[in-house]
Amino acid sequence: MKYKGITVKKKPNFWNFLPWLSSYTAQAFFSKIYVSEEIFDNLKSKKPKPRSIATLEHERKHIERQKELGPINFGIRYIFSPEFRFSEELLAIKESMKYLKRKGLDFDIERAAGFLSSRLYFWMTSYDKARRELERIWKEI
């Protein structure tokens, strides 16, 4: 399946055993987007849910940034720099927020702040900071 020229694939099942590659997240690796089976099946339907499309917008931004910075540079900085990882996630989340806002839908800031401050993102920031930044971005859009 393609989305705006990007290959979208269902995640391999063994990824579910790795916390940061779990079914709660999607990943952008080497110009491909990997999503959960649930999202993949929804995207193949005649009327995909806007939240599934918003996930693709988020991951598309990561791919764009990987191309701008180079995949190795991006990957090393993403893994080893919590500040870089947080700023990249905010850029990507902003894209999904834009999409949802255009569709007249809300963005669950509390849930997203919980994810960003959790083990899924290696505790890169506090919940309060994540929530503050997400609220700021939502108001900006």
Protein backbone atom coordinates (compact mmCIF):
# COMPACT_ATOMS: atom_id res chain seq x y z
CA MET A 1 0.00 0.00 0.00
CA LYS A 2 1.20 3.55 -0.72
CA TYR A 3 0.48 6.85 0.99
CA LYS A 4 1.70 9.96 -0.79
CA GLY A 5 4.33 7.84 -2.53
CA ILE A 6 5.50 6.15 0.69
CA THR A 7 5.19 2.40 1.16
CA VAL A 8 3.02 1.47 4.16
CA LYS A 9 3.42 -2.00 5.64
CA LYS A 10 1.95 -3.98 8.49
CA LYS A 11 4.43 -4.43 11.33
CA PRO A 12 6.00 -7.85 11.70
CA ASN A 13 4.50 -9.62 14.73
CA PHE A 14 7.84 -10.03 16.49
CA TRP A 15 8.06 -6.21 16.83
CA ASN A 16 5.30 -6.40 19.44
CA PHE A 17 7.82 -7.83 21.90
CA LEU A 18 9.89 -4.64 21.79
CA PRO A 19 8.29 -1.84 23.83
CA TRP A 20 9.17 1.01 21.47
CA LEU A 21 7.95 -0.99 18.45
CA SER A 22 4.74 -2.14 20.10
CA SER A 23 1.27 -2.06 18.61
CA TYR A 24 0.73 1.35 20.26
CA THR A 25 3.18 3.03 17.91
CA ALA A 26 3.96 3.30 14.21
CA GLN A 27 7.48 3.58 12.82
CA ALA A 28 9.16 5.22 9.85
CA PHE A 29 12.26 3.33 8.72
CA PHE A 30 14.14 3.89 5.47
CA SER A 31 11.29 5.51 3.57
CA LYS A 32 8.68 3.00 4.72
CA ILE A 33 5.95 3.35 7.32
CA TYR A 34 5.12 0.39 9.55
CA VAL A 35 1.76 0.34 11.33
CA SER A 36 -0.19 -2.08 13.50
CA GLU A 37 -2.43 -4.67 11.89
CA GLU A 38 -5.48 -2.74 13.09
CA ILE A 39 -4.39 0.51 11.45
CA PHE A 40 -3.22 -1.29 8.31
CA ASP A 41 -6.58 -3.02 7.88
CA ASN A 42 -8.39 0.25 8.50
CA LEU A 43 -6.26 2.04 5.90
CA LYS A 44 -7.17 -0.61 3.32
CA SER A 45 -10.89 -0.02 3.93
CA LYS A 46 -13.02 2.19 1.68
CA LYS A 47 -13.30 4.88 4.37
CA PRO A 48 -10.19 4.92 6.59
CA LYS A 49 -10.54 6.63 9.95
CA PRO A 50 -9.03 10.12 10.11
CA ARG A 51 -6.88 9.03 13.06
CA SER A 52 -5.29 6.33 10.91
CA ILE A 53 -4.48 8.92 8.26
CA ALA A 54 -3.14 11.24 10.99
CA THR A 55 -0.75 8.45 11.99
CA LEU A 56 0.55 8.36 8.42
CA GLU A 57 0.99 12.14 8.43
CA HIS A 58 3.05 11.84 11.63
CA GLU A 59 5.30 9.15 10.16
CA ARG A 60 5.56 10.96 6.82
CA LYS A 61 7.11 13.90 8.70
CA HIS A 62 9.69 11.57 10.25
CA ILE A 63 10.62 10.28 6.79
CA GLU A 64 10.92 13.85 5.51
CA ARG A 65 13.25 14.71 8.40
CA GLN A 66 15.30 11.53 7.89
CA LYS A 67 15.84 12.58 4.27
CA GLU A 68 16.79 16.13 5.29
CA LEU A 69 19.27 15.08 7.98
CA GLY A 70 20.37 11.76 6.54
CA PRO A 71 19.06 8.49 7.96
CA ILE A 72 22.21 7.65 9.96
CA ASN A 73 22.53 11.14 11.45
CA PHE A 74 18.81 11.19 12.25
CA GLY A 75 18.88 7.69 13.77
CA ILE A 76 21.90 8.32 16.00
CA ARG A 77 20.56 11.63 17.24
CA TYR A 78 17.06 10.18 17.75
CA ILE A 79 18.40 7.30 19.82
CA PHE A 80 20.96 9.17 21.90
CA SER A 81 19.55 12.68 22.35
CA PRO A 82 16.32 13.00 24.35
CA GLU A 83 16.07 16.69 23.37
CA PHE A 84 16.38 15.87 19.67
CA ARG A 85 13.90 12.98 19.99
CA PHE A 86 11.40 15.24 21.75
CA SER A 87 11.70 18.01 19.17
CA GLU A 88 11.31 15.50 16.31
CA GLU A 89 8.24 13.98 17.92
CA LEU A 90 6.71 17.42 18.34
CA LEU A 91 7.31 18.19 14.65
CA ALA A 92 5.66 14.92 13.65
CA ILE A 93 2.77 15.30 16.11
CA LYS A 94 2.12 18.77 14.72
CA GLU A 95 1.45 17.19 11.32
CA SER A 96 -1.09 14.77 12.76
CA MET A 97 -2.67 17.62 14.73
CA LYS A 98 -3.04 19.70 11.56
CA TYR A 99 -4.77 16.84 9.82
CA LEU A 100 -7.15 16.18 12.71
CA LYS A 101 -7.96 19.86 13.12
CA ARG A 102 -8.81 20.15 9.40
CA LYS A 103 -11.23 17.25 9.92
CA GLY A 104 -12.79 18.99 12.93
CA LEU A 105 -11.45 16.40 15.37
CA ASP A 106 -9.71 16.75 18.71
CA PHE A 107 -6.24 15.59 19.61
CA ASP A 108 -5.84 13.69 22.89
CA ILE A 109 -3.11 15.80 24.48
CA GLU A 110 -3.13 13.95 27.80
CA ARG A 111 -2.67 10.57 26.12
CA ALA A 112 0.11 11.86 23.87
CA ALA A 113 1.89 13.53 26.80
CA GLY A 114 1.66 10.22 28.66
CA PHE A 115 3.30 8.38 25.75
CA LEU A 116 6.02 11.00 25.26
CA SER A 117 6.97 10.84 28.92
CA SER A 118 6.92 7.03 29.11
CA ARG A 119 9.21 4.09 28.44
CA LEU A 120 7.96 4.00 24.84
CA TYR A 121 10.07 7.10 24.21
CA PHE A 122 12.72 6.33 26.83
CA TRP A 123 11.36 8.94 29.25
CA MET A 124 12.64 11.75 27.04
CA THR A 125 10.68 14.44 28.84
CA SER A 126 8.32 14.99 31.72
CA TYR A 127 4.58 14.64 31.37
CA ASP A 128 4.10 18.31 32.31
CA LYS A 129 6.56 19.57 29.70
CA ALA A 130 5.07 17.32 27.01
CA ARG A 131 1.56 18.48 27.85
CA ARG A 132 2.57 22.16 27.84
CA GLU A 133 4.26 21.85 24.44
CA LEU A 134 1.39 19.88 22.93
CA GLU A 135 -1.15 22.42 24.18
CA ARG A 136 0.96 25.24 22.72
CA ILE A 137 1.17 23.54 19.32
CA TRP A 138 -2.56 22.73 19.25
CA LYS A 139 -3.41 26.39 19.93
CA GLU A 140 -0.89 27.54 17.27
CA ILE A 141 -2.49 25.52 14.49
